[in-house]
Amino acid sequence: TEADEGHPFGHKRAEPIAGLIVAVLAGI
């Protein structure tokens, strides 16, 4: 998604957040 006023440098951190969710699920 293109950068916007709330996220001036884009949304590149979305993928690592998903990775953390997967890691927690893997532990369970």
mmCIF file of all heavy atoms, coordinates in Angstrom:
data_MODEL
# 
_entry.id   MODEL 
# 
loop_
_atom_site.group_PDB 
_atom_site.id 
_atom_site.type_symbol 
_atom_site.label_atom_id 
_atom_site.label_alt_id 
_atom_site.label_comp_id 
_atom_site.label_asym_id 
_atom_site.label_entity_id 
_atom_site.label_seq_id 
_atom_site.pdbx_PDB_ins_code 
_atom_site.Cartn_x 
_atom_site.Cartn_y 
_atom_site.Cartn_z 
_atom_site.occupancy 
_atom_site.B_iso_or_equiv 
_atom_site.pdbx_formal_charge 
_atom_site.auth_seq_id 
_atom_site.auth_comp_id 
_atom_site.auth_asym_id 
_atom_site.auth_atom_id 
_atom_site.pdbx_PDB_model_num 
ATOM 1   N N   . THR A 1 1  ? 0.840  -1.195  0.000  1.00 0.00 ? 1  THR A N   1 
ATOM 2   C CA  . THR A 1 1  ? 0.000  0.000   0.000  1.00 0.00 ? 1  THR A CA  1 
ATOM 3   C C   . THR A 1 1  ? 0.876  1.247   0.000  1.00 0.00 ? 1  THR A C   1 
ATOM 4   O O   . THR A 1 1  ? 1.906  1.305   0.676  1.00 0.00 ? 1  THR A O   1 
ATOM 5   C CB  . THR A 1 1  ? -0.907 0.022   1.247  1.00 0.00 ? 1  THR A CB  1 
ATOM 6   O OG1 . THR A 1 1  ? -1.667 -1.187  1.287  1.00 0.00 ? 1  THR A OG1 1 
ATOM 7   C CG2 . THR A 1 1  ? -1.843 1.222   1.219  1.00 0.00 ? 1  THR A CG2 1 
ATOM 8   N N   . GLU A 1 2  ? 0.487  2.237   -0.755 1.00 0.00 ? 2  GLU A N   1 
ATOM 9   C CA  . GLU A 1 2  ? 1.263  3.466   -0.845 1.00 0.00 ? 2  GLU A CA  1 
ATOM 10  C C   . GLU A 1 2  ? 1.319  4.184   0.509  1.00 0.00 ? 2  GLU A C   1 
ATOM 11  O O   . GLU A 1 2  ? 0.431  4.038   1.342  1.00 0.00 ? 2  GLU A O   1 
ATOM 12  C CB  . GLU A 1 2  ? 0.648  4.407   -1.889 1.00 0.00 ? 2  GLU A CB  1 
ATOM 13  C CG  . GLU A 1 2  ? 0.715  3.878   -3.326 1.00 0.00 ? 2  GLU A CG  1 
ATOM 14  C CD  . GLU A 1 2  ? 2.145  3.781   -3.834 1.00 0.00 ? 2  GLU A CD  1 
ATOM 15  O OE1 . GLU A 1 2  ? 2.983  4.588   -3.390 1.00 0.00 ? 2  GLU A OE1 1 
ATOM 16  O OE2 . GLU A 1 2  ? 2.417  2.885   -4.647 1.00 0.00 ? 2  GLU A OE2 1 
ATOM 17  N N   . ALA A 1 3  ? 2.397  4.950   0.699  1.00 0.00 ? 3  ALA A N   1 
ATOM 18  C CA  . ALA A 1 3  ? 2.532  5.760   1.912  1.00 0.00 ? 3  ALA A CA  1 
ATOM 19  C C   . ALA A 1 3  ? 1.382  6.765   2.003  1.00 0.00 ? 3  ALA A C   1 
ATOM 20  O O   . ALA A 1 3  ? 0.868  7.237   0.991  1.00 0.00 ? 3  ALA A O   1 
ATOM 21  C CB  . ALA A 1 3  ? 3.866  6.491   1.900  1.00 0.00 ? 3  ALA A CB  1 
ATOM 22  N N   . ASP A 1 4  ? 0.949  7.039   3.230  1.00 0.00 ? 4  ASP A N   1 
ATOM 23  C CA  . ASP A 1 4  ? -0.109 8.023   3.435  1.00 0.00 ? 4  ASP A CA  1 
ATOM 24  C C   . ASP A 1 4  ? 0.286  8.953   4.568  1.00 0.00 ? 4  ASP A C   1 
ATOM 25  O O   . ASP A 1 4  ? 1.396  8.878   5.110  1.00 0.00 ? 4  ASP A O   1 
ATOM 26  C CB  . ASP A 1 4  ? -1.449 7.331   3.716  1.00 0.00 ? 4  ASP A CB  1 
ATOM 27  C CG  . ASP A 1 4  ? -1.347 6.308   4.850  1.00 0.00 ? 4  ASP A CG  1 
ATOM 28  O OD1 . ASP A 1 4  ? -0.612 6.580   5.828  1.00 0.00 ? 4  ASP A OD1 1 
ATOM 29  O OD2 . ASP A 1 4  ? -2.012 5.255   4.774  1.00 0.00 ? 4  ASP A OD2 1 
ATOM 30  N N   . GLU A 1 5  ? -0.631 9.823   4.960  1.00 0.00 ? 5  GLU A N   1 
ATOM 31  C CA  . GLU A 1 5  ? -0.317 10.817  5.991  1.00 0.00 ? 5  GLU A CA  1 
ATOM 32  C C   . GLU A 1 5  ? 0.026  10.158  7.321  1.00 0.00 ? 5  GLU A C   1 
ATOM 33  O O   . GLU A 1 5  ? 0.910  10.605  8.046  1.00 0.00 ? 5  GLU A O   1 
ATOM 34  C CB  . GLU A 1 5  ? -1.512 11.765  6.168  1.00 0.00 ? 5  GLU A CB  1 
ATOM 35  C CG  . GLU A 1 5  ? -1.235 12.914  7.142  1.00 0.00 ? 5  GLU A CG  1 
ATOM 36  C CD  . GLU A 1 5  ? -2.398 13.884  7.238  1.00 0.00 ? 5  GLU A CD  1 
ATOM 37  O OE1 . GLU A 1 5  ? -3.328 13.782  6.398  1.00 0.00 ? 5  GLU A OE1 1 
ATOM 38  O OE2 . GLU A 1 5  ? -2.376 14.741  8.129  1.00 0.00 ? 5  GLU A OE2 1 
ATOM 39  N N   . GLY A 1 6  ? -0.657 9.079   7.636  1.00 0.00 ? 6  GLY A N   1 
ATOM 40  C CA  . GLY A 1 6  ? -0.397 8.393   8.901  1.00 0.00 ? 6  GLY A CA  1 
ATOM 41  C C   . GLY A 1 6  ? 0.815  7.490   8.862  1.00 0.00 ? 6  GLY A C   1 
ATOM 42  O O   . GLY A 1 6  ? 1.380  7.154   9.901  1.00 0.00 ? 6  GLY A O   1 
ATOM 43  N N   . HIS A 1 7  ? 1.218  7.070   7.652  1.00 0.00 ? 7  HIS A N   1 
ATOM 44  C CA  . HIS A 1 7  ? 2.377  6.186   7.485  1.00 0.00 ? 7  HIS A CA  1 
ATOM 45  C C   . HIS A 1 7  ? 3.240  6.740   6.352  1.00 0.00 ? 7  HIS A C   1 
ATOM 46  O O   . HIS A 1 7  ? 3.230  6.226   5.236  1.00 0.00 ? 7  HIS A O   1 
ATOM 47  C CB  . HIS A 1 7  ? 1.936  4.754   7.161  1.00 0.00 ? 7  HIS A CB  1 
ATOM 48  C CG  . HIS A 1 7  ? 0.978  4.190   8.168  1.00 0.00 ? 7  HIS A CG  1 
ATOM 49  N ND1 . HIS A 1 7  ? -0.386 4.394   8.091  1.00 0.00 ? 7  HIS A ND1 1 
ATOM 50  C CD2 . HIS A 1 7  ? 1.190  3.433   9.279  1.00 0.00 ? 7  HIS A CD2 1 
ATOM 51  C CE1 . HIS A 1 7  ? -0.978 3.787   9.106  1.00 0.00 ? 7  HIS A CE1 1 
ATOM 52  N NE2 . HIS A 1 7  ? -0.049 3.200   9.845  1.00 0.00 ? 7  HIS A NE2 1 
ATOM 53  N N   . PRO A 1 8  ? 3.998  7.801   6.631  1.00 0.00 ? 8  PRO A N   1 
ATOM 54  C CA  . PRO A 1 8  ? 4.737  8.497   5.573  1.00 0.00 ? 8  PRO A CA  1 
ATOM 55  C C   . PRO A 1 8  ? 5.824  7.664   4.906  1.00 0.00 ? 8  PRO A C   1 
ATOM 56  O O   . PRO A 1 8  ? 6.253  7.986   3.800  1.00 0.00 ? 8  PRO A O   1 
ATOM 57  C CB  . PRO A 1 8  ? 5.349  9.703   6.304  1.00 0.00 ? 8  PRO A CB  1 
ATOM 58  C CG  . PRO A 1 8  ? 5.385  9.306   7.747  1.00 0.00 ? 8  PRO A CG  1 
ATOM 59  C CD  . PRO A 1 8  ? 4.188  8.430   7.948  1.00 0.00 ? 8  PRO A CD  1 
ATOM 60  N N   . PHE A 1 9  ? 6.284  6.600   5.558  1.00 0.00 ? 9  PHE A N   1 
ATOM 61  C CA  . PHE A 1 9  ? 7.298  5.753   4.958  1.00 0.00 ? 9  PHE A CA  1 
ATOM 62  C C   . PHE A 1 9  ? 6.719  4.406   4.520  1.00 0.00 ? 9  PHE A C   1 
ATOM 63  O O   . PHE A 1 9  ? 7.438  3.414   4.387  1.00 0.00 ? 9  PHE A O   1 
ATOM 64  C CB  . PHE A 1 9  ? 8.466  5.532   5.927  1.00 0.00 ? 9  PHE A CB  1 
ATOM 65  C CG  . PHE A 1 9  ? 9.249  6.791   6.189  1.00 0.00 ? 9  PHE A CG  1 
ATOM 66  C CD1 . PHE A 1 9  ? 9.141  7.456   7.395  1.00 0.00 ? 9  PHE A CD1 1 
ATOM 67  C CD2 . PHE A 1 9  ? 10.075 7.316   5.211  1.00 0.00 ? 9  PHE A CD2 1 
ATOM 68  C CE1 . PHE A 1 9  ? 9.847  8.621   7.633  1.00 0.00 ? 9  PHE A CE1 1 
ATOM 69  C CE2 . PHE A 1 9  ? 10.794 8.477   5.437  1.00 0.00 ? 9  PHE A CE2 1 
ATOM 70  C CZ  . PHE A 1 9  ? 10.677 9.141   6.650  1.00 0.00 ? 9  PHE A CZ  1 
ATOM 71  N N   . GLY A 1 10 ? 5.414  4.360   4.317  1.00 0.00 ? 10 GLY A N   1 
ATOM 72  C CA  . GLY A 1 10 ? 4.782  3.154   3.823  1.00 0.00 ? 10 GLY A CA  1 
ATOM 73  C C   . GLY A 1 10 ? 4.370  2.195   4.936  1.00 0.00 ? 10 GLY A C   1 
ATOM 74  O O   . GLY A 1 10 ? 4.338  2.545   6.115  1.00 0.00 ? 10 GLY A O   1 
ATOM 75  N N   . HIS A 1 11 ? 4.058  0.968   4.539  1.00 0.00 ? 11 HIS A N   1 
ATOM 76  C CA  . HIS A 1 11 ? 3.514  -0.042  5.458  1.00 0.00 ? 11 HIS A CA  1 
ATOM 77  C C   . HIS A 1 11 ? 4.361  -1.309  5.466  1.00 0.00 ? 11 HIS A C   1 
ATOM 78  O O   . HIS A 1 11 ? 3.857  -2.423  5.643  1.00 0.00 ? 11 HIS A O   1 
ATOM 79  C CB  . HIS A 1 11 ? 2.072  -0.394  5.051  1.00 0.00 ? 11 HIS A CB  1 
ATOM 80  C CG  . HIS A 1 11 ? 1.153  0.784   5.010  1.00 0.00 ? 11 HIS A CG  1 
ATOM 81  N ND1 . HIS A 1 11 ? 1.167  1.705   3.978  1.00 0.00 ? 11 HIS A ND1 1 
ATOM 82  C CD2 . HIS A 1 11 ? 0.189  1.194   5.873  1.00 0.00 ? 11 HIS A CD2 1 
ATOM 83  C CE1 . HIS A 1 11 ? 0.249  2.634   4.208  1.00 0.00 ? 11 HIS A CE1 1 
ATOM 84  N NE2 . HIS A 1 11 ? -0.355 2.351   5.340  1.00 0.00 ? 11 HIS A NE2 1 
ATOM 85  N N   . LYS A 1 12 ? 5.662  -1.149  5.312  1.00 0.00 ? 12 LYS A N   1 
ATOM 86  C CA  . LYS A 1 12 ? 6.565  -2.303  5.170  1.00 0.00 ? 12 LYS A CA  1 
ATOM 87  C C   . LYS A 1 12 ? 6.631  -3.170  6.429  1.00 0.00 ? 12 LYS A C   1 
ATOM 88  O O   . LYS A 1 12 ? 7.041  -4.322  6.369  1.00 0.00 ? 12 LYS A O   1 
ATOM 89  C CB  . LYS A 1 12 ? 7.966  -1.820  4.811  1.00 0.00 ? 12 LYS A CB  1 
ATOM 90  C CG  . LYS A 1 12 ? 8.061  -1.098  3.475  1.00 0.00 ? 12 LYS A CG  1 
ATOM 91  C CD  . LYS A 1 12 ? 7.724  -2.017  2.321  1.00 0.00 ? 12 LYS A CD  1 
ATOM 92  C CE  . LYS A 1 12 ? 8.000  -1.388  0.973  1.00 0.00 ? 12 LYS A CE  1 
ATOM 93  N NZ  . LYS A 1 12 ? 7.188  -0.209  0.689  1.00 0.00 ? 12 LYS A NZ  1 
ATOM 94  N N   . ARG A 1 13 ? 6.253  -2.612  7.595  1.00 0.00 ? 13 ARG A N   1 
ATOM 95  C CA  . ARG A 1 13 ? 6.336  -3.407  8.827  1.00 0.00 ? 13 ARG A CA  1 
ATOM 96  C C   . ARG A 1 13 ? 5.168  -4.390  8.973  1.00 0.00 ? 13 ARG A C   1 
ATOM 97  O O   . ARG A 1 13 ? 5.101  -5.127  9.954  1.00 0.00 ? 13 ARG A O   1 
ATOM 98  C CB  . ARG A 1 13 ? 6.386  -2.478  10.047 1.00 0.00 ? 13 ARG A CB  1 
ATOM 99  C CG  . ARG A 1 13 ? 7.740  -1.790  10.234 1.00 0.00 ? 13 ARG A CG  1 
ATOM 100 C CD  . ARG A 1 13 ? 7.813  -1.078  11.574 1.00 0.00 ? 13 ARG A CD  1 
ATOM 101 N NE  . ARG A 1 13 ? 9.154  -0.596  11.852 1.00 0.00 ? 13 ARG A NE  1 
ATOM 102 C CZ  . ARG A 1 13 ? 9.611  0.615   11.558 1.00 0.00 ? 13 ARG A CZ  1 
ATOM 103 N NH1 . ARG A 1 13 ? 8.814  1.465   10.929 1.00 0.00 ? 13 ARG A NH1 1 
ATOM 104 N NH2 . ARG A 1 13 ? 10.841 0.970   11.850 1.00 0.00 ? 13 ARG A NH2 1 
ATOM 105 N N   . ALA A 1 14 ? 4.247  -4.404  8.023  1.00 0.00 ? 14 ALA A N   1 
ATOM 106 C CA  . ALA A 1 14 ? 3.103  -5.313  8.115  1.00 0.00 ? 14 ALA A CA  1 
ATOM 107 C C   . ALA A 1 14 ? 3.547  -6.773  8.067  1.00 0.00 ? 14 ALA A C   1 
ATOM 108 O O   . ALA A 1 14 ? 3.020  -7.622  8.792  1.00 0.00 ? 14 ALA A O   1 
ATOM 109 C CB  . ALA A 1 14 ? 2.111  -5.028  6.981  1.00 0.00 ? 14 ALA A CB  1 
ATOM 110 N N   . GLU A 1 15 ? 4.531  -7.084  7.225  1.00 0.00 ? 15 GLU A N   1 
ATOM 111 C CA  . GLU A 1 15 ? 4.961  -8.474  7.092  1.00 0.00 ? 15 GLU A CA  1 
ATOM 112 C C   . GLU A 1 15 ? 5.592  -9.033  8.378  1.00 0.00 ? 15 GLU A C   1 
ATOM 113 O O   . GLU A 1 15 ? 5.276  -10.154 8.777  1.00 0.00 ? 15 GLU A O   1 
ATOM 114 C CB  . GLU A 1 15 ? 5.917  -8.610  5.910  1.00 0.00 ? 15 GLU A CB  1 
ATOM 115 C CG  . GLU A 1 15 ? 5.226  -8.396  4.563  1.00 0.00 ? 15 GLU A CG  1 
ATOM 116 C CD  . GLU A 1 15 ? 6.141  -8.678  3.384  1.00 0.00 ? 15 GLU A CD  1 
ATOM 117 O OE1 . GLU A 1 15 ? 7.055  -9.502  3.526  1.00 0.00 ? 15 GLU A OE1 1 
ATOM 118 O OE2 . GLU A 1 15 ? 5.924  -8.064  2.317  1.00 0.00 ? 15 GLU A OE2 1 
ATOM 119 N N   . PRO A 1 16 ? 6.473  -8.297  9.066  1.00 0.00 ? 16 PRO A N   1 
ATOM 120 C CA  . PRO A 1 16 ? 7.020  -8.832  10.322 1.00 0.00 ? 16 PRO A CA  1 
ATOM 121 C C   . PRO A 1 16 ? 5.964  -9.056  11.401 1.00 0.00 ? 16 PRO A C   1 
ATOM 122 O O   . PRO A 1 16 ? 6.095  -9.978  12.208 1.00 0.00 ? 16 PRO A O   1 
ATOM 123 C CB  . PRO A 1 16 ? 8.025  -7.749  10.756 1.00 0.00 ? 16 PRO A CB  1 
ATOM 124 C CG  . PRO A 1 16 ? 8.412  -7.076  9.505  1.00 0.00 ? 16 PRO A CG  1 
ATOM 125 C CD  . PRO A 1 16 ? 7.197  -7.082  8.644  1.00 0.00 ? 16 PRO A CD  1 
ATOM 126 N N   . ILE A 1 17 ? 4.924  -8.234  11.447 1.00 0.00 ? 17 ILE A N   1 
ATOM 127 C CA  . ILE A 1 17 ? 3.855  -8.435  12.430 1.00 0.00 ? 17 ILE A CA  1 
ATOM 128 C C   . ILE A 1 17 ? 3.181  -9.787  12.188 1.00 0.00 ? 17 ILE A C   1 
ATOM 129 O O   . ILE A 1 17 ? 2.919  -10.555 13.127 1.00 0.00 ? 17 ILE A O   1 
ATOM 130 C CB  . ILE A 1 17 ? 2.823  -7.282  12.354 1.00 0.00 ? 17 ILE A CB  1 
ATOM 131 C CG1 . ILE A 1 17 ? 3.463  -5.980  12.841 1.00 0.00 ? 17 ILE A CG1 1 
ATOM 132 C CG2 . ILE A 1 17 ? 1.592  -7.616  13.184 1.00 0.00 ? 17 ILE A CG2 1 
ATOM 133 C CD1 . ILE A 1 17 ? 2.590  -4.764  12.656 1.00 0.00 ? 17 ILE A CD1 1 
ATOM 134 N N   . ALA A 1 18 ? 2.933  -10.094 10.934 1.00 0.00 ? 18 ALA A N   1 
ATOM 135 C CA  . ALA A 1 18 ? 2.340  -11.394 10.605 1.00 0.00 ? 18 ALA A CA  1 
ATOM 136 C C   . ALA A 1 18 ? 3.291  -12.525 10.988 1.00 0.00 ? 18 ALA A C   1 
ATOM 137 O O   . ALA A 1 18 ? 2.862  -13.571 11.476 1.00 0.00 ? 18 ALA A O   1 
ATOM 138 C CB  . ALA A 1 18 ? 2.030  -11.455 9.112  1.00 0.00 ? 18 ALA A CB  1 
ATOM 139 N N   . GLY A 1 19 ? 4.581  -12.310 10.790 1.00 0.00 ? 19 GLY A N   1 
ATOM 140 C CA  . GLY A 1 19 ? 5.562  -13.323 11.154 1.00 0.00 ? 19 GLY A CA  1 
ATOM 141 C C   . GLY A 1 19 ? 5.537  -13.638 12.635 1.00 0.00 ? 19 GLY A C   1 
ATOM 142 O O   . GLY A 1 19 ? 5.673  -14.802 13.039 1.00 0.00 ? 19 GLY A O   1 
ATOM 143 N N   . LEU A 1 20 ? 5.360  -12.632 13.477 1.00 0.00 ? 20 LEU A N   1 
ATOM 144 C CA  . LEU A 1 20 ? 5.293  -12.853 14.918 1.00 0.00 ? 20 LEU A CA  1 
ATOM 145 C C   . LEU A 1 20 ? 4.050  -13.657 15.300 1.00 0.00 ? 20 LEU A C   1 
ATOM 146 O O   . LEU A 1 20 ? 4.100  -14.519 16.179 1.00 0.00 ? 20 LEU A O   1 
ATOM 147 C CB  . LEU A 1 20 ? 5.296  -11.508 15.657 1.00 0.00 ? 20 LEU A CB  1 
ATOM 148 C CG  . LEU A 1 20 ? 6.626  -10.760 15.684 1.00 0.00 ? 20 LEU A CG  1 
ATOM 149 C CD1 . LEU A 1 20 ? 6.466  -9.427  16.410 1.00 0.00 ? 20 LEU A CD1 1 
ATOM 150 C CD2 . LEU A 1 20 ? 7.699  -11.595 16.361 1.00 0.00 ? 20 LEU A CD2 1 
ATOM 151 N N   . ILE A 1 21 ? 2.946  -13.371 14.642 1.00 0.00 ? 21 ILE A N   1 
ATOM 152 C CA  . ILE A 1 21 ? 1.716  -14.123 14.902 1.00 0.00 ? 21 ILE A CA  1 
ATOM 153 C C   . ILE A 1 21 ? 1.923  -15.603 14.568 1.00 0.00 ? 21 ILE A C   1 
ATOM 154 O O   . ILE A 1 21 ? 1.535  -16.500 15.325 1.00 0.00 ? 21 ILE A O   1 
ATOM 155 C CB  . ILE A 1 21 ? 0.543  -13.542 14.079 1.00 0.00 ? 21 ILE A CB  1 
ATOM 156 C CG1 . ILE A 1 21 ? 0.222  -12.125 14.553 1.00 0.00 ? 21 ILE A CG1 1 
ATOM 157 C CG2 . ILE A 1 21 ? -0.686 -14.438 14.195 1.00 0.00 ? 21 ILE A CG2 1 
ATOM 158 C CD1 . ILE A 1 21 ? -0.788 -11.402 13.685 1.00 0.00 ? 21 ILE A CD1 1 
ATOM 159 N N   . VAL A 1 22 ? 2.549  -15.862 13.434 1.00 0.00 ? 22 VAL A N   1 
ATOM 160 C CA  . VAL A 1 22 ? 2.821  -17.238 13.019 1.00 0.00 ? 22 VAL A CA  1 
ATOM 161 C C   . VAL A 1 22 ? 3.762  -17.919 14.011 1.00 0.00 ? 22 VAL A C   1 
ATOM 162 O O   . VAL A 1 22 ? 3.594  -19.097 14.345 1.00 0.00 ? 22 VAL A O   1 
ATOM 163 C CB  . VAL A 1 22 ? 3.428  -17.249 11.603 1.00 0.00 ? 22 VAL A CB  1 
ATOM 164 C CG1 . VAL A 1 22 ? 3.904  -18.644 11.235 1.00 0.00 ? 22 VAL A CG1 1 
ATOM 165 C CG2 . VAL A 1 22 ? 2.399  -16.768 10.587 1.00 0.00 ? 22 VAL A CG2 1 
ATOM 166 N N   . ALA A 1 23 ? 4.766  -17.187 14.511 1.00 0.00 ? 23 ALA A N   1 
ATOM 167 C CA  . ALA A 1 23 ? 5.721  -17.766 15.460 1.00 0.00 ? 23 ALA A CA  1 
ATOM 168 C C   . ALA A 1 23 ? 5.030  -18.186 16.755 1.00 0.00 ? 23 ALA A C   1 
ATOM 169 O O   . ALA A 1 23 ? 5.307  -19.261 17.301 1.00 0.00 ? 23 ALA A O   1 
ATOM 170 C CB  . ALA A 1 23 ? 6.832  -16.754 15.757 1.00 0.00 ? 23 ALA A CB  1 
ATOM 171 N N   . VAL A 1 24 ? 4.131  -17.343 17.255 1.00 0.00 ? 24 VAL A N   1 
ATOM 172 C CA  . VAL A 1 24 ? 3.397  -17.683 18.479 1.00 0.00 ? 24 VAL A CA  1 
ATOM 173 C C   . VAL A 1 24 ? 2.521  -18.914 18.251 1.00 0.00 ? 24 VAL A C   1 
ATOM 174 O O   . VAL A 1 24 ? 2.473  -19.831 19.084 1.00 0.00 ? 24 VAL A O   1 
ATOM 175 C CB  . VAL A 1 24 ? 2.535  -16.486 18.937 1.00 0.00 ? 24 VAL A CB  1 
ATOM 176 C CG1 . VAL A 1 24 ? 1.616  -16.892 20.080 1.00 0.00 ? 24 VAL A CG1 1 
ATOM 177 C CG2 . VAL A 1 24 ? 3.430  -15.329 19.378 1.00 0.00 ? 24 VAL A CG2 1 
ATOM 178 N N   . LEU A 1 25 ? 1.839  -18.942 17.119 1.00 0.00 ? 25 LEU A N   1 
ATOM 179 C CA  . LEU A 1 25 ? 0.980  -20.084 16.792 1.00 0.00 ? 25 LEU A CA  1 
ATOM 180 C C   . LEU A 1 25 ? 1.812  -21.368 16.673 1.00 0.00 ? 25 LEU A C   1 
ATOM 181 O O   . LEU A 1 25 ? 1.393  -22.436 17.131 1.00 0.00 ? 25 LEU A O   1 
ATOM 182 C CB  . LEU A 1 25 ? 0.235  -19.821 15.483 1.00 0.00 ? 25 LEU A CB  1 
ATOM 183 C CG  . LEU A 1 25 ? -0.717 -20.922 14.997 1.00 0.00 ? 25 LEU A CG  1 
ATOM 184 C CD1 . LEU A 1 25 ? -1.777 -21.205 16.038 1.00 0.00 ? 25 LEU A CD1 1 
ATOM 185 C CD2 . LEU A 1 25 ? -1.349 -20.534 13.674 1.00 0.00 ? 25 LEU A CD2 1 
ATOM 186 N N   . ALA A 1 26 ? 2.995  -21.250 16.099 1.00 0.00 ? 26 ALA A N   1 
ATOM 187 C CA  . ALA A 1 26 ? 3.870  -22.414 15.960 1.00 0.00 ? 26 ALA A CA  1 
ATOM 188 C C   . ALA A 1 26 ? 4.278  -22.956 17.329 1.00 0.00 ? 26 ALA A C   1 
ATOM 189 O O   . ALA A 1 26 ? 4.348  -24.170 17.542 1.00 0.00 ? 26 ALA A O   1 
ATOM 190 C CB  . ALA A 1 26 ? 5.120  -22.046 15.150 1.00 0.00 ? 26 ALA A CB  1 
ATOM 191 N N   . GLY A 1 27 ? 4.537  -22.053 18.279 1.00 0.00 ? 27 GLY A N   1 
ATOM 192 C CA  . GLY A 1 27 ? 4.904  -22.492 19.623 1.00 0.00 ? 27 GLY A CA  1 
ATOM 193 C C   . GLY A 1 27 ? 3.777  -23.268 20.299 1.00 0.00 ? 27 GLY A C   1 
ATOM 194 O O   . GLY A 1 27 ? 4.019  -24.311 20.932 1.00 0.00 ? 27 GLY A O   1 
ATOM 195 N N   . ILE A 1 28 ? 2.554  -22.779 20.160 1.00 0.00 ? 28 ILE A N   1 
ATOM 196 C CA  . ILE A 1 28 ? 1.405  -23.461 20.761 1.00 0.00 ? 28 ILE A CA  1 
ATOM 197 C C   . ILE A 1 28 ? 1.196  -24.833 20.137 1.00 0.00 ? 28 ILE A C   1 
ATOM 198 O O   . ILE A 1 28 ? 1.017  -25.846 20.828 1.00 0.00 ? 28 ILE A O   1 
ATOM 199 C CB  . ILE A 1 28 ? 0.135  -22.596 20.600 1.00 0.00 ? 28 ILE A CB  1 
ATOM 200 C CG1 . ILE A 1 28 ? 0.288  -21.280 21.386 1.00 0.00 ? 28 ILE A CG1 1 
ATOM 201 C CG2 . ILE A 1 28 ? -1.103 -23.357 21.059 1.00 0.00 ? 28 ILE A CG2 1 
ATOM 202 C CD1 . ILE A 1 28 ? -0.824 -20.292 21.131 1.00 0.00 ? 28 ILE A CD1 1 
# 
